[in-house]
């Protein structure tokens, strides 16, 4: 899956929303690094801002390594509704995510998993995925958080299929909610903020 730019950013700067390929096995390879990425567990993460990538630096882990929440690394296709996860690099292809108990400090929470319409079977592309996110994820956001997305301080990221994972049958958009101010403890369901 690929990380996509946040909805707020995407809506205000649609032309600037460029998809970045990510390689979970590589060292941050760019879109040009496909070809060797033929495994079945590739998805693109969407909604990533450049700040989360910066937040993934090691100083917090070094300073508080004993307090770092324990999580379970899972295949991206095994992450589902209600899972709380650590942040992920929006500039890499995602194959695995760390799932953390929601009562522990975490970065994001999966609040919706959407099925992408099959259409004619060809890869729909990021613009089609973003259109579905803008209608369906935002609708689910209001139900989950308890208030309209445009009034909330919380934001959305999403995971979408890559062309390779689409060819292998991947048809899911995974919508996550997060607080741009930083990690949270507990669910954001009914947060009303």
N, C-alpha and C. Protein backbone atom coordinates (compact mmCIF):
# COMPACT_ATOMS: atom_id res chain seq x y z
N UNK A 1 0.85 -1.17 0.00
CA UNK A 1 0.00 0.00 0.00
C UNK A 1 0.90 1.23 0.00
N UNK A 2 0.35 2.33 -0.42
CA UNK A 2 1.10 3.59 -0.45
C UNK A 2 0.41 4.59 0.46
N UNK A 3 1.19 5.38 1.17
CA UNK A 3 0.63 6.43 2.01
C UNK A 3 0.24 7.60 1.13
N UNK A 4 -0.91 8.15 1.36
CA UNK A 4 -1.37 9.31 0.61
C UNK A 4 -1.36 10.54 1.50
N UNK A 5 -1.29 11.69 0.88
CA UNK A 5 -1.32 12.98 1.55
C UNK A 5 -2.63 13.13 2.32
N UNK A 6 -2.63 13.87 3.40
CA UNK A 6 -3.85 14.02 4.18
C UNK A 6 -4.95 14.65 3.35
N UNK A 7 -6.18 14.39 3.74
CA UNK A 7 -7.32 14.94 3.02
C UNK A 7 -7.27 16.46 3.05
N UNK A 8 -7.02 17.06 4.20
CA UNK A 8 -6.99 18.53 4.30
C UNK A 8 -6.00 19.10 3.29
N UNK A 9 -4.81 18.52 3.25
CA UNK A 9 -3.80 18.99 2.32
C UNK A 9 -4.22 18.69 0.89
N UNK A 10 -4.79 17.53 0.67
CA UNK A 10 -5.18 17.12 -0.68
C UNK A 10 -6.29 18.01 -1.22
N UNK A 11 -7.23 18.36 -0.36
CA UNK A 11 -8.35 19.20 -0.82
C UNK A 11 -7.86 20.59 -1.15
N UNK A 12 -6.94 21.14 -0.33
CA UNK A 12 -6.46 22.49 -0.57
C UNK A 12 -5.39 22.56 -1.64
N UNK A 13 -4.69 21.46 -1.86
CA UNK A 13 -3.62 21.46 -2.85
C UNK A 13 -3.66 20.18 -3.67
N UNK A 14 -4.77 19.96 -4.35
CA UNK A 14 -4.99 18.73 -5.10
C UNK A 14 -3.86 18.45 -6.08
N UNK A 15 -3.38 19.48 -6.73
CA UNK A 15 -2.33 19.28 -7.71
C UNK A 15 -1.02 18.85 -7.06
N UNK A 16 -0.83 19.19 -5.80
CA UNK A 16 0.41 18.86 -5.11
C UNK A 16 0.41 17.46 -4.54
N UNK A 17 -0.72 16.79 -4.58
CA UNK A 17 -0.81 15.45 -3.98
C UNK A 17 -0.19 14.43 -4.91
N UNK A 18 1.06 14.17 -4.73
CA UNK A 18 1.76 13.21 -5.58
C UNK A 18 1.98 11.92 -4.82
N UNK A 19 1.76 10.80 -5.48
CA UNK A 19 1.95 9.50 -4.85
C UNK A 19 3.43 9.16 -4.82
N UNK A 20 3.88 8.72 -3.67
CA UNK A 20 5.26 8.32 -3.54
C UNK A 20 5.30 6.82 -3.29
N UNK A 21 6.10 6.12 -4.04
CA UNK A 21 6.25 4.68 -3.80
C UNK A 21 7.19 4.47 -2.64
N UNK A 22 6.91 3.48 -1.87
CA UNK A 22 7.71 3.21 -0.71
C UNK A 22 8.13 1.76 -0.71
N UNK A 23 9.29 1.49 -0.22
CA UNK A 23 9.76 0.12 -0.16
C UNK A 23 10.03 -0.27 1.28
N UNK A 24 9.17 -1.06 1.86
CA UNK A 24 9.34 -1.46 3.26
C UNK A 24 10.60 -2.29 3.43
N UNK A 25 10.99 -2.97 2.39
CA UNK A 25 12.20 -3.79 2.50
C UNK A 25 13.45 -2.98 2.18
N UNK A 26 13.28 -1.86 1.48
CA UNK A 26 14.42 -1.07 1.05
C UNK A 26 14.74 0.06 1.99
N UNK A 27 15.66 0.91 1.59
CA UNK A 27 16.08 2.04 2.39
C UNK A 27 15.43 3.32 1.90
N UNK A 28 14.13 3.33 1.67
CA UNK A 28 13.45 4.53 1.21
C UNK A 28 13.58 4.72 -0.28
N UNK A 29 13.49 3.66 -1.05
CA UNK A 29 13.59 3.77 -2.50
C UNK A 29 12.42 4.57 -3.04
N UNK A 30 12.65 5.27 -4.11
CA UNK A 30 11.59 6.08 -4.72
C UNK A 30 10.77 5.25 -5.68
N UNK A 31 9.84 5.90 -6.38
CA UNK A 31 8.96 5.22 -7.33
C UNK A 31 9.75 4.45 -8.37
N UNK A 32 10.94 4.91 -8.67
CA UNK A 32 11.73 4.24 -9.70
C UNK A 32 12.20 2.88 -9.24
N UNK A 33 12.04 2.57 -7.96
CA UNK A 33 12.56 1.32 -7.44
C UNK A 33 11.58 0.17 -7.51
N UNK A 34 10.66 0.14 -8.46
CA UNK A 34 9.78 -1.02 -8.54
C UNK A 34 10.37 -2.03 -9.50
N UNK A 35 9.83 -3.18 -9.51
CA UNK A 35 10.38 -4.22 -10.36
C UNK A 35 10.80 -5.39 -9.49
N UNK A 36 11.62 -5.13 -8.45
CA UNK A 36 11.99 -6.16 -7.51
C UNK A 36 10.96 -6.28 -6.40
N UNK A 37 9.96 -5.46 -6.41
CA UNK A 37 8.94 -5.40 -5.36
C UNK A 37 7.73 -6.23 -5.76
N UNK A 38 7.90 -7.50 -6.07
CA UNK A 38 6.80 -8.30 -6.57
C UNK A 38 6.16 -9.17 -5.50
N UNK A 39 6.43 -8.89 -4.22
CA UNK A 39 5.81 -9.67 -3.17
C UNK A 39 4.33 -9.33 -3.08
N UNK A 40 3.56 -10.19 -2.41
CA UNK A 40 2.12 -9.99 -2.35
C UNK A 40 1.71 -8.94 -1.34
N UNK A 41 2.60 -8.49 -0.49
CA UNK A 41 2.21 -7.57 0.56
C UNK A 41 2.72 -6.16 0.31
N UNK A 42 2.24 -5.53 -0.73
CA UNK A 42 2.60 -4.16 -1.03
C UNK A 42 1.35 -3.32 -1.03
N UNK A 43 1.37 -2.25 -0.31
CA UNK A 43 0.29 -1.30 -0.34
C UNK A 43 0.91 0.07 -0.26
N UNK A 44 0.16 1.06 -0.63
CA UNK A 44 0.65 2.40 -0.58
C UNK A 44 -0.04 3.14 0.53
N UNK A 45 0.71 3.87 1.31
CA UNK A 45 0.13 4.62 2.40
C UNK A 45 -0.18 6.02 1.90
N UNK A 46 -1.35 6.50 2.23
CA UNK A 46 -1.77 7.81 1.80
C UNK A 46 -2.13 8.65 2.99
N UNK A 47 -1.98 9.92 2.82
CA UNK A 47 -2.31 10.82 3.89
C UNK A 47 -1.07 11.23 4.65
N UNK A 48 0.09 10.80 4.21
CA UNK A 48 1.31 11.13 4.93
C UNK A 48 1.76 12.54 4.66
N UNK A 49 2.12 13.22 5.72
CA UNK A 49 2.72 14.54 5.59
C UNK A 49 4.21 14.35 5.76
N UNK A 50 4.98 15.38 5.42
CA UNK A 50 6.41 15.24 5.58
C UNK A 50 6.81 15.21 7.04
N UNK A 51 6.02 15.79 7.94
CA UNK A 51 6.36 15.78 9.34
C UNK A 51 6.36 14.38 9.94
N UNK A 52 5.41 13.47 9.59
CA UNK A 52 5.52 12.13 10.16
C UNK A 52 6.82 11.44 9.80
N UNK A 53 7.30 11.65 8.58
CA UNK A 53 8.57 11.04 8.20
C UNK A 53 9.67 11.57 9.11
N UNK A 54 9.62 12.86 9.42
CA UNK A 54 10.59 13.45 10.33
C UNK A 54 10.41 12.93 11.75
N UNK A 55 9.18 12.61 12.14
CA UNK A 55 8.91 12.10 13.47
C UNK A 55 9.45 10.70 13.66
N UNK A 56 9.83 10.04 12.58
CA UNK A 56 10.32 8.67 12.68
C UNK A 56 11.81 8.61 12.96
N UNK A 57 12.41 9.76 13.27
CA UNK A 57 13.82 9.75 13.59
C UNK A 57 14.04 9.00 14.88
N UNK A 58 15.25 8.61 15.13
CA UNK A 58 15.58 7.75 16.26
C UNK A 58 15.68 8.44 17.62
N UNK A 59 15.90 9.78 17.75
CA UNK A 59 16.07 10.35 19.08
C UNK A 59 14.99 9.98 20.09
N UNK A 60 13.68 10.05 19.77
CA UNK A 60 12.71 9.65 20.78
C UNK A 60 12.90 8.19 21.20
N UNK A 61 13.20 7.32 20.27
CA UNK A 61 13.39 5.91 20.60
C UNK A 61 14.63 5.72 21.47
N UNK A 62 15.69 6.50 21.21
CA UNK A 62 16.89 6.39 22.00
C UNK A 62 16.67 6.92 23.41
N UNK A 63 15.97 8.05 23.53
CA UNK A 63 15.75 8.67 24.82
C UNK A 63 14.79 7.86 25.68
N UNK A 64 13.76 7.27 25.07
CA UNK A 64 12.74 6.60 25.84
C UNK A 64 12.55 5.16 25.35
N UNK A 65 13.62 4.49 25.01
CA UNK A 65 13.50 3.15 24.44
C UNK A 65 12.78 2.20 25.39
N UNK A 66 12.95 2.36 26.72
CA UNK A 66 12.28 1.46 27.65
C UNK A 66 10.78 1.76 27.74
N UNK A 67 10.36 2.98 27.36
CA UNK A 67 8.95 3.35 27.43
C UNK A 67 8.23 3.19 26.09
N UNK A 68 8.96 2.82 25.07
CA UNK A 68 8.36 2.66 23.75
C UNK A 68 7.30 1.56 23.81
N UNK A 69 6.08 1.85 23.33
CA UNK A 69 5.02 0.85 23.43
C UNK A 69 5.38 -0.40 22.64
N UNK A 70 5.05 -1.52 23.26
CA UNK A 70 5.28 -2.77 22.58
C UNK A 70 4.16 -2.98 21.57
N UNK A 71 4.52 -3.39 20.41
CA UNK A 71 3.54 -3.67 19.39
C UNK A 71 3.90 -4.94 18.66
N UNK A 72 3.00 -5.35 17.83
CA UNK A 72 3.20 -6.56 17.05
C UNK A 72 3.30 -6.17 15.59
N UNK A 73 4.38 -6.54 14.94
CA UNK A 73 4.54 -6.26 13.52
C UNK A 73 3.63 -7.21 12.75
N UNK A 74 2.79 -6.62 11.89
CA UNK A 74 1.86 -7.42 11.10
C UNK A 74 1.96 -7.05 9.64
N UNK A 75 1.65 -8.00 8.80
CA UNK A 75 1.53 -7.74 7.37
C UNK A 75 0.47 -6.68 7.19
N UNK A 76 0.69 -5.74 6.30
CA UNK A 76 -0.25 -4.64 6.10
C UNK A 76 -1.65 -5.14 5.77
N UNK A 77 -1.77 -6.29 5.14
CA UNK A 77 -3.07 -6.83 4.78
C UNK A 77 -3.81 -7.44 5.96
N UNK A 78 -3.10 -7.64 7.09
CA UNK A 78 -3.73 -8.18 8.29
C UNK A 78 -4.21 -7.09 9.24
N UNK A 79 -3.84 -5.84 8.98
CA UNK A 79 -4.27 -4.73 9.82
C UNK A 79 -5.72 -4.41 9.46
N UNK A 80 -6.56 -4.26 10.49
CA UNK A 80 -7.98 -4.08 10.21
C UNK A 80 -8.65 -3.04 11.08
N UNK A 81 -9.93 -2.96 10.94
CA UNK A 81 -10.78 -2.01 11.63
C UNK A 81 -10.54 -2.07 13.14
N UNK A 82 -10.31 -0.89 13.74
CA UNK A 82 -10.11 -0.79 15.17
C UNK A 82 -8.67 -0.97 15.62
N UNK A 83 -7.77 -1.34 14.72
CA UNK A 83 -6.36 -1.49 15.10
C UNK A 83 -5.72 -0.12 15.29
N UNK A 84 -4.91 -0.01 16.32
CA UNK A 84 -4.10 1.18 16.55
C UNK A 84 -2.69 0.85 16.10
N UNK A 85 -2.06 1.79 15.43
CA UNK A 85 -0.77 1.51 14.79
C UNK A 85 0.22 2.63 15.04
N UNK A 86 1.49 2.32 14.84
CA UNK A 86 2.53 3.33 14.89
C UNK A 86 2.53 4.08 13.56
N UNK A 87 3.21 5.20 13.54
CA UNK A 87 3.27 5.96 12.30
C UNK A 87 4.09 5.19 11.28
N UNK A 88 3.93 5.54 10.02
CA UNK A 88 4.66 4.89 8.96
C UNK A 88 5.18 5.95 8.02
N UNK A 89 6.24 5.63 7.34
CA UNK A 89 6.89 6.58 6.45
C UNK A 89 6.06 6.74 5.19
N UNK A 90 5.62 7.97 4.94
CA UNK A 90 4.78 8.25 3.79
C UNK A 90 5.57 8.24 2.49
N UNK A 91 6.84 8.00 2.57
CA UNK A 91 7.67 8.01 1.37
C UNK A 91 8.16 6.61 1.00
N UNK A 92 7.55 5.61 1.59
CA UNK A 92 7.97 4.24 1.29
C UNK A 92 6.77 3.35 1.06
N UNK A 93 6.99 2.28 0.34
CA UNK A 93 5.94 1.28 0.18
C UNK A 93 5.80 0.54 1.50
N UNK A 94 4.58 0.26 1.87
CA UNK A 94 4.31 -0.34 3.17
C UNK A 94 4.01 -1.83 3.00
N UNK A 95 4.75 -2.66 3.69
CA UNK A 95 4.49 -4.09 3.70
C UNK A 95 4.09 -4.56 5.09
N UNK A 96 4.60 -3.88 6.12
CA UNK A 96 4.30 -4.24 7.50
C UNK A 96 4.02 -2.98 8.31
N UNK A 97 3.18 -3.14 9.34
CA UNK A 97 2.88 -2.05 10.27
C UNK A 97 2.98 -2.62 11.68
N UNK A 98 3.26 -1.74 12.64
CA UNK A 98 3.28 -2.14 14.04
C UNK A 98 1.92 -1.85 14.64
N UNK A 99 1.23 -2.88 15.09
CA UNK A 99 -0.07 -2.75 15.75
C UNK A 99 0.18 -2.69 17.25
N UNK A 100 -0.39 -1.66 17.87
CA UNK A 100 -0.19 -1.37 19.29
C UNK A 100 -1.54 -1.41 19.98
N UNK A 101 -1.65 -1.96 21.18
CA UNK A 101 -2.93 -1.89 21.89
C UNK A 101 -3.38 -0.43 22.02
N UNK A 102 -4.62 -0.15 21.75
CA UNK A 102 -5.11 1.23 21.73
C UNK A 102 -4.98 1.92 23.08
N UNK A 103 -4.95 1.16 24.17
CA UNK A 103 -4.81 1.79 25.49
C UNK A 103 -3.38 2.27 25.74
N UNK A 104 -2.46 1.89 24.86
CA UNK A 104 -1.08 2.38 24.92
C UNK A 104 -0.91 3.51 23.92
N UNK A 105 0.14 4.29 24.09
CA UNK A 105 0.40 5.42 23.18
C UNK A 105 0.61 4.90 21.76
N UNK A 106 -0.10 5.50 20.82
CA UNK A 106 -0.01 5.11 19.41
C UNK A 106 -0.20 6.34 18.53
N UNK A 107 0.06 6.18 17.25
CA UNK A 107 0.01 7.31 16.33
C UNK A 107 -1.29 7.40 15.54
N UNK A 108 -1.84 6.26 15.13
CA UNK A 108 -3.02 6.26 14.27
C UNK A 108 -3.96 5.13 14.65
N UNK A 109 -5.21 5.26 14.20
CA UNK A 109 -6.21 4.22 14.45
C UNK A 109 -6.99 3.97 13.16
N UNK A 110 -7.16 2.72 12.80
CA UNK A 110 -7.94 2.37 11.62
C UNK A 110 -9.42 2.51 11.97
N UNK A 111 -10.12 3.42 11.25
CA UNK A 111 -11.53 3.63 11.55
C UNK A 111 -12.45 3.18 10.42
N UNK A 112 -11.91 2.85 9.27
CA UNK A 112 -12.73 2.35 8.15
C UNK A 112 -11.86 1.55 7.20
N UNK A 113 -12.43 0.49 6.65
CA UNK A 113 -11.79 -0.29 5.59
C UNK A 113 -12.81 -0.35 4.46
N UNK A 114 -12.45 0.22 3.32
CA UNK A 114 -13.36 0.35 2.19
C UNK A 114 -12.97 -0.58 1.05
N UNK A 115 -13.96 -1.10 0.39
CA UNK A 115 -13.74 -1.93 -0.80
C UNK A 115 -13.74 -1.02 -2.02
N UNK A 116 -12.70 -1.13 -2.84
CA UNK A 116 -12.62 -0.35 -4.07
C UNK A 116 -13.41 -1.09 -5.15
N UNK A 117 -14.34 -0.40 -5.84
CA UNK A 117 -15.09 -1.08 -6.91
C UNK A 117 -14.15 -1.66 -7.97
N UNK A 118 -14.48 -2.83 -8.44
CA UNK A 118 -13.64 -3.55 -9.40
C UNK A 118 -13.55 -2.82 -10.75
N UNK A 119 -14.64 -2.19 -11.17
CA UNK A 119 -14.64 -1.51 -12.48
C UNK A 119 -14.34 -2.50 -13.58
N UNK A 120 -13.50 -2.08 -14.51
CA UNK A 120 -13.14 -2.97 -15.63
C UNK A 120 -11.95 -3.86 -15.29
N UNK A 121 -11.48 -3.77 -14.04
CA UNK A 121 -10.37 -4.60 -13.59
C UNK A 121 -9.02 -3.94 -13.70
N UNK A 122 -8.92 -2.84 -14.47
CA UNK A 122 -7.64 -2.17 -14.59
C UNK A 122 -7.38 -1.30 -13.36
N UNK A 123 -6.12 -1.04 -13.09
CA UNK A 123 -5.73 -0.25 -11.91
C UNK A 123 -6.31 1.15 -12.01
N UNK A 124 -7.14 1.56 -11.03
CA UNK A 124 -7.83 2.85 -11.12
C UNK A 124 -6.93 4.06 -10.92
N UNK A 125 -5.90 3.94 -10.10
CA UNK A 125 -4.98 5.04 -9.87
C UNK A 125 -5.34 5.88 -8.65
N UNK A 126 -4.39 6.68 -8.22
CA UNK A 126 -4.50 7.46 -6.99
C UNK A 126 -5.64 8.46 -6.98
N UNK A 127 -5.92 9.10 -8.10
CA UNK A 127 -7.01 10.08 -8.13
C UNK A 127 -8.35 9.41 -7.83
N UNK A 128 -8.57 8.22 -8.37
CA UNK A 128 -9.80 7.48 -8.10
C UNK A 128 -9.87 7.08 -6.64
N UNK A 129 -8.75 6.62 -6.08
CA UNK A 129 -8.73 6.27 -4.67
C UNK A 129 -9.02 7.49 -3.80
N UNK A 130 -8.41 8.61 -4.14
CA UNK A 130 -8.61 9.82 -3.34
C UNK A 130 -10.07 10.27 -3.39
N UNK A 131 -10.71 10.16 -4.55
CA UNK A 131 -12.13 10.52 -4.66
C UNK A 131 -12.97 9.67 -3.73
N UNK A 132 -12.68 8.36 -3.67
CA UNK A 132 -13.44 7.49 -2.78
C UNK A 132 -13.15 7.83 -1.32
N UNK A 133 -11.91 8.15 -1.00
CA UNK A 133 -11.56 8.54 0.36
C UNK A 133 -12.32 9.81 0.75
N UNK A 134 -12.35 10.79 -0.15
CA UNK A 134 -13.01 12.06 0.13
C UNK A 134 -14.50 11.89 0.38
N UNK A 135 -15.12 10.91 -0.23
CA UNK A 135 -16.54 10.69 0.03
C UNK A 135 -16.76 9.70 1.16
N UNK A 136 -16.16 8.54 1.10
CA UNK A 136 -16.47 7.47 2.04
C UNK A 136 -15.72 7.57 3.37
N UNK A 137 -14.41 7.86 3.34
CA UNK A 137 -13.66 7.97 4.59
C UNK A 137 -14.18 9.16 5.41
N UNK A 138 -14.44 10.27 4.74
CA UNK A 138 -14.92 11.45 5.47
C UNK A 138 -16.29 11.18 6.08
N UNK A 139 -17.15 10.46 5.38
CA UNK A 139 -18.45 10.09 5.93
C UNK A 139 -18.30 9.20 7.15
N UNK A 140 -17.41 8.23 7.08
CA UNK A 140 -17.15 7.33 8.21
C UNK A 140 -16.47 8.07 9.36
N UNK A 141 -15.65 9.07 9.03
CA UNK A 141 -14.96 9.86 10.05
C UNK A 141 -15.97 10.50 11.00
N UNK A 142 -17.00 11.13 10.46
CA UNK A 142 -18.00 11.80 11.29
C UNK A 142 -18.69 10.80 12.21
N UNK A 143 -19.00 9.63 11.71
CA UNK A 143 -19.64 8.60 12.52
C UNK A 143 -18.69 8.12 13.63
N UNK A 144 -17.42 7.93 13.29
CA UNK A 144 -16.45 7.39 14.24
C UNK A 144 -16.04 8.42 15.29
N UNK A 145 -15.63 9.60 14.84
CA UNK A 145 -15.12 10.63 15.76
C UNK A 145 -16.25 11.35 16.49
N UNK A 146 -17.41 11.48 15.83
CA UNK A 146 -18.54 12.13 16.47
C UNK A 146 -18.73 13.57 16.05
N UNK A 147 -17.98 14.02 15.07
CA UNK A 147 -18.16 15.37 14.55
C UNK A 147 -17.68 15.43 13.11
N UNK A 148 -18.11 16.44 12.39
CA UNK A 148 -17.76 16.62 10.99
C UNK A 148 -16.25 16.80 10.83
N UNK A 149 -15.71 16.19 9.81
CA UNK A 149 -14.28 16.25 9.53
C UNK A 149 -13.78 17.69 9.43
N UNK A 150 -14.53 18.54 8.75
CA UNK A 150 -14.10 19.93 8.54
C UNK A 150 -14.06 20.74 9.82
N UNK A 151 -14.69 20.28 10.88
CA UNK A 151 -14.68 20.97 12.17
C UNK A 151 -13.70 20.34 13.15
N UNK A 152 -13.17 19.19 12.82
CA UNK A 152 -12.31 18.44 13.73
C UNK A 152 -10.85 18.88 13.63
N UNK A 153 -10.13 18.71 14.73
CA UNK A 153 -8.69 18.96 14.73
C UNK A 153 -7.93 17.71 14.29
N UNK A 154 -8.63 16.58 14.23
CA UNK A 154 -8.01 15.32 13.83
C UNK A 154 -7.90 15.25 12.31
N UNK A 155 -7.04 14.38 11.83
CA UNK A 155 -6.83 14.28 10.39
C UNK A 155 -6.87 12.82 9.95
N UNK A 156 -6.84 12.63 8.64
CA UNK A 156 -6.97 11.31 8.02
C UNK A 156 -5.73 11.00 7.18
N UNK A 157 -5.30 9.75 7.24
CA UNK A 157 -4.37 9.18 6.27
C UNK A 157 -5.05 7.94 5.73
N UNK A 158 -4.52 7.40 4.66
CA UNK A 158 -5.09 6.16 4.15
C UNK A 158 -4.03 5.33 3.45
N UNK A 159 -4.31 4.05 3.39
CA UNK A 159 -3.48 3.11 2.64
C UNK A 159 -4.25 2.70 1.41
N UNK A 160 -3.60 2.67 0.29
CA UNK A 160 -4.25 2.30 -0.96
C UNK A 160 -3.41 1.29 -1.71
N UNK A 161 -4.02 0.52 -2.60
CA UNK A 161 -3.26 -0.48 -3.37
C UNK A 161 -2.21 0.16 -4.27
N UNK A 162 -1.13 -0.56 -4.47
CA UNK A 162 -0.18 -0.20 -5.52
C UNK A 162 -0.64 -0.91 -6.79
N UNK A 163 -0.04 -0.58 -7.89
CA UNK A 163 -0.39 -1.27 -9.14
C UNK A 163 -0.09 -2.77 -9.02
N UNK A 164 1.03 -3.08 -8.33
CA UNK A 164 1.41 -4.49 -8.16
C UNK A 164 0.42 -5.22 -7.25
N UNK A 165 0.05 -4.60 -6.12
CA UNK A 165 -0.87 -5.29 -5.21
C UNK A 165 -2.27 -5.40 -5.82
N UNK A 166 -2.65 -4.41 -6.63
CA UNK A 166 -3.94 -4.47 -7.34
C UNK A 166 -3.98 -5.70 -8.25
N UNK A 167 -2.88 -5.94 -8.96
CA UNK A 167 -2.81 -7.09 -9.86
C UNK A 167 -2.92 -8.40 -9.09
N UNK A 168 -2.60 -8.38 -7.80
CA UNK A 168 -2.67 -9.57 -6.97
C UNK A 168 -3.99 -9.65 -6.20
N UNK A 169 -4.93 -8.74 -6.49
CA UNK A 169 -6.26 -8.81 -5.89
C UNK A 169 -6.54 -7.84 -4.76
N UNK A 170 -5.63 -6.94 -4.45
CA UNK A 170 -5.83 -5.96 -3.38
C UNK A 170 -6.86 -4.93 -3.81
N UNK A 171 -7.96 -4.84 -3.07
CA UNK A 171 -9.04 -3.91 -3.40
C UNK A 171 -9.48 -3.07 -2.19
N UNK A 172 -8.59 -2.88 -1.21
CA UNK A 172 -8.98 -2.18 0.00
C UNK A 172 -8.31 -0.82 0.13
N UNK A 173 -9.09 0.14 0.63
CA UNK A 173 -8.59 1.42 1.12
C UNK A 173 -8.73 1.35 2.63
N UNK A 174 -7.67 1.60 3.35
CA UNK A 174 -7.68 1.55 4.81
C UNK A 174 -7.54 2.98 5.32
N UNK A 175 -8.59 3.48 6.00
CA UNK A 175 -8.62 4.86 6.47
C UNK A 175 -8.18 4.92 7.93
N UNK A 176 -7.23 5.80 8.23
CA UNK A 176 -6.76 5.96 9.59
C UNK A 176 -6.98 7.40 10.06
N UNK A 177 -7.20 7.55 11.36
CA UNK A 177 -7.37 8.87 11.97
C UNK A 177 -6.18 9.09 12.91
N UNK A 178 -5.71 10.33 12.98
CA UNK A 178 -4.60 10.65 13.86
C UNK A 178 -4.71 12.09 14.32
N UNK A 179 -4.01 12.40 15.38
CA UNK A 179 -3.95 13.76 15.91
C UNK A 179 -2.64 14.38 15.44
N UNK A 180 -2.70 15.45 14.63
CA UNK A 180 -1.46 16.08 14.15
C UNK A 180 -0.58 16.59 15.27
N UNK A 181 -1.15 16.79 16.47
CA UNK A 181 -0.37 17.27 17.61
C UNK A 181 0.55 16.20 18.17
N UNK A 182 0.30 14.93 17.83
CA UNK A 182 1.18 13.88 18.32
C UNK A 182 0.42 12.63 18.73
N UNK A 183 1.15 11.64 19.27
CA UNK A 183 0.55 10.37 19.66
C UNK A 183 -0.57 10.54 20.69
N UNK A 184 -1.48 9.57 20.72
CA UNK A 184 -2.60 9.58 21.66
C UNK A 184 -2.62 8.26 22.42
N UNK A 185 -3.32 8.27 23.53
CA UNK A 185 -3.55 7.05 24.31
C UNK A 185 -5.05 6.83 24.36
N UNK A 186 -5.50 5.64 24.03
CA UNK A 186 -6.93 5.36 23.97
C UNK A 186 -7.48 5.58 22.57
N UNK A 187 -8.67 5.11 22.35
CA UNK A 187 -9.30 5.23 21.03
C UNK A 187 -9.73 6.67 20.75
N UNK A 188 -9.81 7.01 19.48
CA UNK A 188 -10.35 8.31 19.06
C UNK A 188 -11.82 8.20 18.71
N UNK A 189 -12.39 7.01 18.89
CA UNK A 189 -13.83 6.83 18.65
C UNK A 189 -14.61 7.69 19.65
N UNK A 190 -15.48 8.52 19.12
CA UNK A 190 -16.28 9.40 19.97
C UNK A 190 -15.49 10.54 20.59
N UNK A 191 -14.32 10.85 20.06
CA UNK A 191 -13.46 11.89 20.63
C UNK A 191 -14.10 13.29 20.57
N UNK A 192 -14.95 13.53 19.57
CA UNK A 192 -15.64 14.82 19.43
C UNK A 192 -14.67 15.99 19.47
N UNK A 193 -13.58 15.86 18.77
CA UNK A 193 -12.64 17.00 18.69
C UNK A 193 -12.02 17.09 17.32
